[in-house]
Amino acid sequence: MSSQRPALPDDAGYWSAQMRAVAERQDMDAFLGIHDHYAPRLKRYLLGHGVSAAQADDLVQESMLRLWRSAAAFDPARASLSTWLFRIARNLQIDARRREAHRESEPVPVDEAWMVDEWGVSPDDYADHAGLDRAIRSLPAAQARLIRMSYLEARSHSEIAAELGMPLGSVKSTLRRAFARLKAGLGAAP
């Protein structure tokens, strides 16, 4: 006896019935069937649009949450479930891209106390931004990337480690070495 689930039908009528069950009875089995069938397809779709794997996972999860919450709004006369669900995922991706662009256009607040505590240097020590940019570009590529992610993109060490697949300790030690090189290259006071 096989332990695999039987293949789900790929017809719109089947999926409309599953959505009706979710909308009318909050049927978890119907929802999980929809999730199991569409989540990998949504992720491939988002990856194909240049979304990182981590962000694709988040967008798929949010899409499924929206499906659950808005199941009653689904109208099979207007669109198939796949069209409706992929549109939700695409709209979430666009919204995320807009938030990211908006966040990048805002000045990044610098936690000066953290920099002074962590590195012994304040941002005022680097008033020459062009010199700082040159100094960052002179670093080895890996160190420059971590400096940009940490300070210019205001990402936490944990976020950097997760995105780059590096151990947290490696991120911290690489940033310390990079910052020491920047400090020496800019002639900052010890």
Protein backbone atom coordinates (compact mmCIF):
# COMPACT_ATOMS: atom_id res chain seq x y z
CA MET A 1 0.00 0.00 0.00
CA SER A 2 1.38 3.40 -0.97
CA SER A 3 1.58 6.17 1.65
CA GLN A 4 1.44 8.94 -0.96
CA ARG A 5 -1.63 11.14 -1.28
CA PRO A 6 -3.65 10.65 -4.44
CA ALA A 7 -3.09 13.28 -7.10
CA LEU A 8 -5.50 16.18 -6.84
CA PRO A 9 -7.62 17.07 -9.85
CA ASP A 10 -6.41 20.02 -11.85
CA ASP A 11 -9.84 21.24 -12.85
CA ALA A 12 -11.28 24.59 -11.78
CA GLY A 13 -14.48 22.98 -10.47
CA TYR A 14 -12.59 20.90 -7.92
CA TRP A 15 -10.69 23.92 -6.59
CA SER A 16 -13.83 26.07 -6.51
CA ALA A 17 -15.48 23.41 -4.35
CA GLN A 18 -12.45 23.38 -2.04
CA MET A 19 -12.63 27.17 -1.72
CA ARG A 20 -16.35 26.98 -0.99
CA ALA A 21 -15.58 24.53 1.83
CA VAL A 22 -12.97 26.92 3.24
CA ALA A 23 -15.31 29.92 2.95
CA GLU A 24 -18.43 28.26 4.34
CA ARG A 25 -17.05 25.87 6.96
CA GLN A 26 -13.43 26.94 7.51
CA ASP A 27 -12.60 23.42 6.31
CA MET A 28 -8.96 22.88 7.28
CA ASP A 29 -8.57 19.76 5.10
CA ALA A 30 -9.72 21.70 2.04
CA PHE A 31 -7.38 24.56 2.94
CA LEU A 32 -4.43 22.21 3.43
CA GLY A 33 -5.17 20.58 0.08
CA ILE A 34 -5.10 24.00 -1.59
CA HIS A 35 -1.92 24.87 0.28
CA ASP A 36 -0.16 21.62 -0.61
CA HIS A 37 -1.05 22.01 -4.27
CA TYR A 38 -0.42 25.73 -4.76
CA ALA A 39 2.34 26.72 -2.30
CA PRO A 40 5.20 25.15 -4.31
CA ARG A 41 3.80 26.62 -7.52
CA LEU A 42 3.56 30.09 -5.97
CA LYS A 43 7.11 29.84 -4.69
CA ARG A 44 8.46 28.86 -8.14
CA TYR A 45 6.49 31.74 -9.66
CA LEU A 46 7.94 34.25 -7.19
CA LEU A 47 11.48 32.90 -7.56
CA GLY A 48 11.05 33.34 -11.31
CA HIS A 49 10.32 37.01 -10.64
CA GLY A 50 13.65 37.49 -8.87
CA VAL A 51 12.41 37.20 -5.29
CA SER A 52 14.85 35.65 -2.80
CA ALA A 53 13.94 32.21 -1.46
CA ALA A 54 13.32 33.58 2.05
CA GLN A 55 11.09 36.37 0.76
CA ALA A 56 9.28 33.93 -1.54
CA ASP A 57 8.51 31.74 1.49
CA ASP A 58 7.17 34.77 3.35
CA LEU A 59 5.05 35.87 0.39
CA VAL A 60 3.63 32.37 -0.09
CA GLN A 61 2.72 32.22 3.59
CA GLU A 62 1.07 35.64 3.42
CA SER A 63 -0.79 34.63 0.23
CA MET A 64 -2.18 31.56 1.95
CA LEU A 65 -3.16 33.59 4.98
CA ARG A 66 -5.01 36.02 2.71
CA LEU A 67 -6.71 33.09 0.99
CA TRP A 68 -7.90 31.78 4.37
CA ARG A 69 -9.12 35.18 5.56
CA SER A 70 -10.72 36.19 2.25
CA ALA A 71 -12.10 32.84 1.11
CA ALA A 72 -15.64 34.24 1.02
CA ALA A 73 -14.50 36.90 -1.48
CA PHE A 74 -13.43 34.28 -4.02
CA ASP A 75 -15.79 34.24 -6.99
CA PRO A 76 -15.25 31.33 -9.40
CA ALA A 77 -17.32 33.18 -12.01
CA ARG A 78 -14.67 35.93 -12.17
CA ALA A 79 -11.46 33.90 -12.01
CA SER A 80 -10.10 30.44 -11.34
CA LEU A 81 -8.52 29.77 -7.96
CA SER A 82 -5.06 29.67 -9.51
CA THR A 83 -5.55 33.07 -11.17
CA TRP A 84 -6.93 34.55 -7.95
CA LEU A 85 -4.16 33.12 -5.79
CA PHE A 86 -1.33 34.05 -8.15
CA ARG A 87 -2.73 37.58 -8.35
CA ILE A 88 -2.66 37.78 -4.54
CA ALA A 89 0.99 36.64 -4.52
CA ARG A 90 1.94 39.07 -7.29
CA ASN A 91 0.24 41.99 -5.50
CA LEU A 92 2.02 41.11 -2.27
CA GLN A 93 5.33 41.02 -4.15
CA ILE A 94 4.65 44.46 -5.66
CA ASP A 95 3.71 45.84 -2.25
CA ALA A 96 6.90 44.41 -0.73
CA ARG A 97 9.00 45.93 -3.52
CA ARG A 98 7.36 49.32 -2.99
CA ARG A 99 7.96 49.17 0.78
CA GLU A 100 11.58 48.24 0.13
CA ALA A 101 12.05 51.11 -2.34
CA HIS A 102 10.41 53.51 0.09
CA ARG A 103 12.62 52.26 2.92
CA GLU A 104 15.73 52.70 0.75
CA SER A 105 14.77 56.28 -0.08
CA GLU A 106 14.45 57.23 3.59
CA PRO A 107 17.57 58.13 5.55
CA VAL A 108 18.67 55.17 7.61
CA PRO A 109 18.71 56.06 11.30
CA VAL A 110 22.08 55.30 12.81
CA ASP A 111 22.22 54.00 16.34
CA GLU A 112 25.29 55.98 17.32
CA ALA A 113 25.37 54.60 20.84
CA TRP A 114 25.58 51.07 19.44
CA MET A 115 28.40 52.01 17.08
CA VAL A 116 30.35 53.69 19.86
CA ASP A 117 29.79 50.73 22.20
CA GLU A 118 30.48 48.09 19.57
CA TRP A 119 33.35 49.68 17.64
CA GLY A 120 34.56 52.63 19.72
CA VAL A 121 33.86 55.09 16.88
CA SER A 122 30.96 57.43 16.22
CA PRO A 123 29.56 58.28 12.78
CA ASP A 124 30.88 61.83 13.22
CA ASP A 125 34.37 60.37 12.80
CA TYR A 126 33.43 59.73 9.17
CA ALA A 127 32.13 63.08 8.00
CA ASP A 128 33.80 62.61 4.62
CA HIS A 129 31.20 60.35 2.96
CA ALA A 130 33.12 60.17 -0.31
CA GLY A 131 36.15 58.98 1.60
CA LEU A 132 34.02 56.42 3.41
CA ASP A 133 32.64 55.15 0.11
CA ARG A 134 36.18 54.82 -1.29
CA ALA A 135 37.29 53.03 1.87
CA ILE A 136 34.38 50.57 1.66
CA ARG A 137 35.17 49.88 -2.01
CA SER A 138 38.80 49.16 -1.07
CA LEU A 139 37.74 46.36 1.29
CA PRO A 140 37.64 42.74 0.14
CA ALA A 141 34.28 42.09 -1.55
CA ALA A 142 32.87 39.97 1.30
CA GLN A 143 33.73 42.59 3.92
CA ALA A 144 32.37 45.44 1.80
CA ARG A 145 29.13 43.55 1.27
CA LEU A 146 28.67 42.95 4.99
CA ILE A 147 29.41 46.60 5.82
CA ARG A 148 26.84 47.77 3.26
CA MET A 149 24.23 45.31 4.50
CA SER A 150 24.80 46.15 8.15
CA TYR A 151 25.21 49.93 8.07
CA LEU A 152 23.75 51.18 4.82
CA GLU A 153 20.80 48.77 4.63
CA ALA A 154 20.37 48.69 8.44
CA ARG A 155 20.13 44.90 8.59
CA SER A 156 20.76 43.05 11.80
CA HIS A 157 23.60 40.56 12.06
CA SER A 158 21.03 37.76 12.29
CA GLU A 159 19.31 38.90 9.09
CA ILE A 160 22.65 39.04 7.28
CA ALA A 161 23.61 35.58 8.52
CA ALA A 162 20.29 34.13 7.37
CA GLU A 163 20.37 35.79 3.96
CA LEU A 164 23.96 34.83 3.19
CA GLY A 165 23.84 31.42 4.87
CA MET A 166 26.74 32.33 7.17
CA PRO A 167 27.13 31.50 10.85
CA LEU A 168 26.28 34.50 13.05
CA GLY A 169 29.75 34.47 14.62
CA SER A 170 31.36 34.69 11.16
CA VAL A 171 29.21 37.69 10.28
CA LYS A 172 30.23 39.45 13.49
CA SER A 173 33.94 38.68 13.17
CA THR A 174 34.00 39.67 9.48
CA LEU A 175 32.29 42.97 10.34
CA ARG A 176 34.80 43.62 13.12
CA ARG A 177 37.73 43.03 10.75
CA ALA A 178 36.11 45.19 8.07
CA PHE A 179 35.42 47.98 10.51
CA ALA A 180 39.00 47.86 11.80
CA ARG A 181 40.25 48.18 8.20
CA LEU A 182 37.88 51.09 7.57
CA LYS A 183 39.00 52.78 10.75
CA ALA A 184 42.66 52.40 9.80
CA GLY A 185 42.04 53.45 6.20
CA LEU A 186 40.23 56.61 7.24
CA GLY A 187 42.73 57.51 9.93
CA ALA A 188 40.10 57.52 12.67
CA ALA A 189 41.34 58.17 16.15
CA PRO A 190 41.71 55.00 18.23
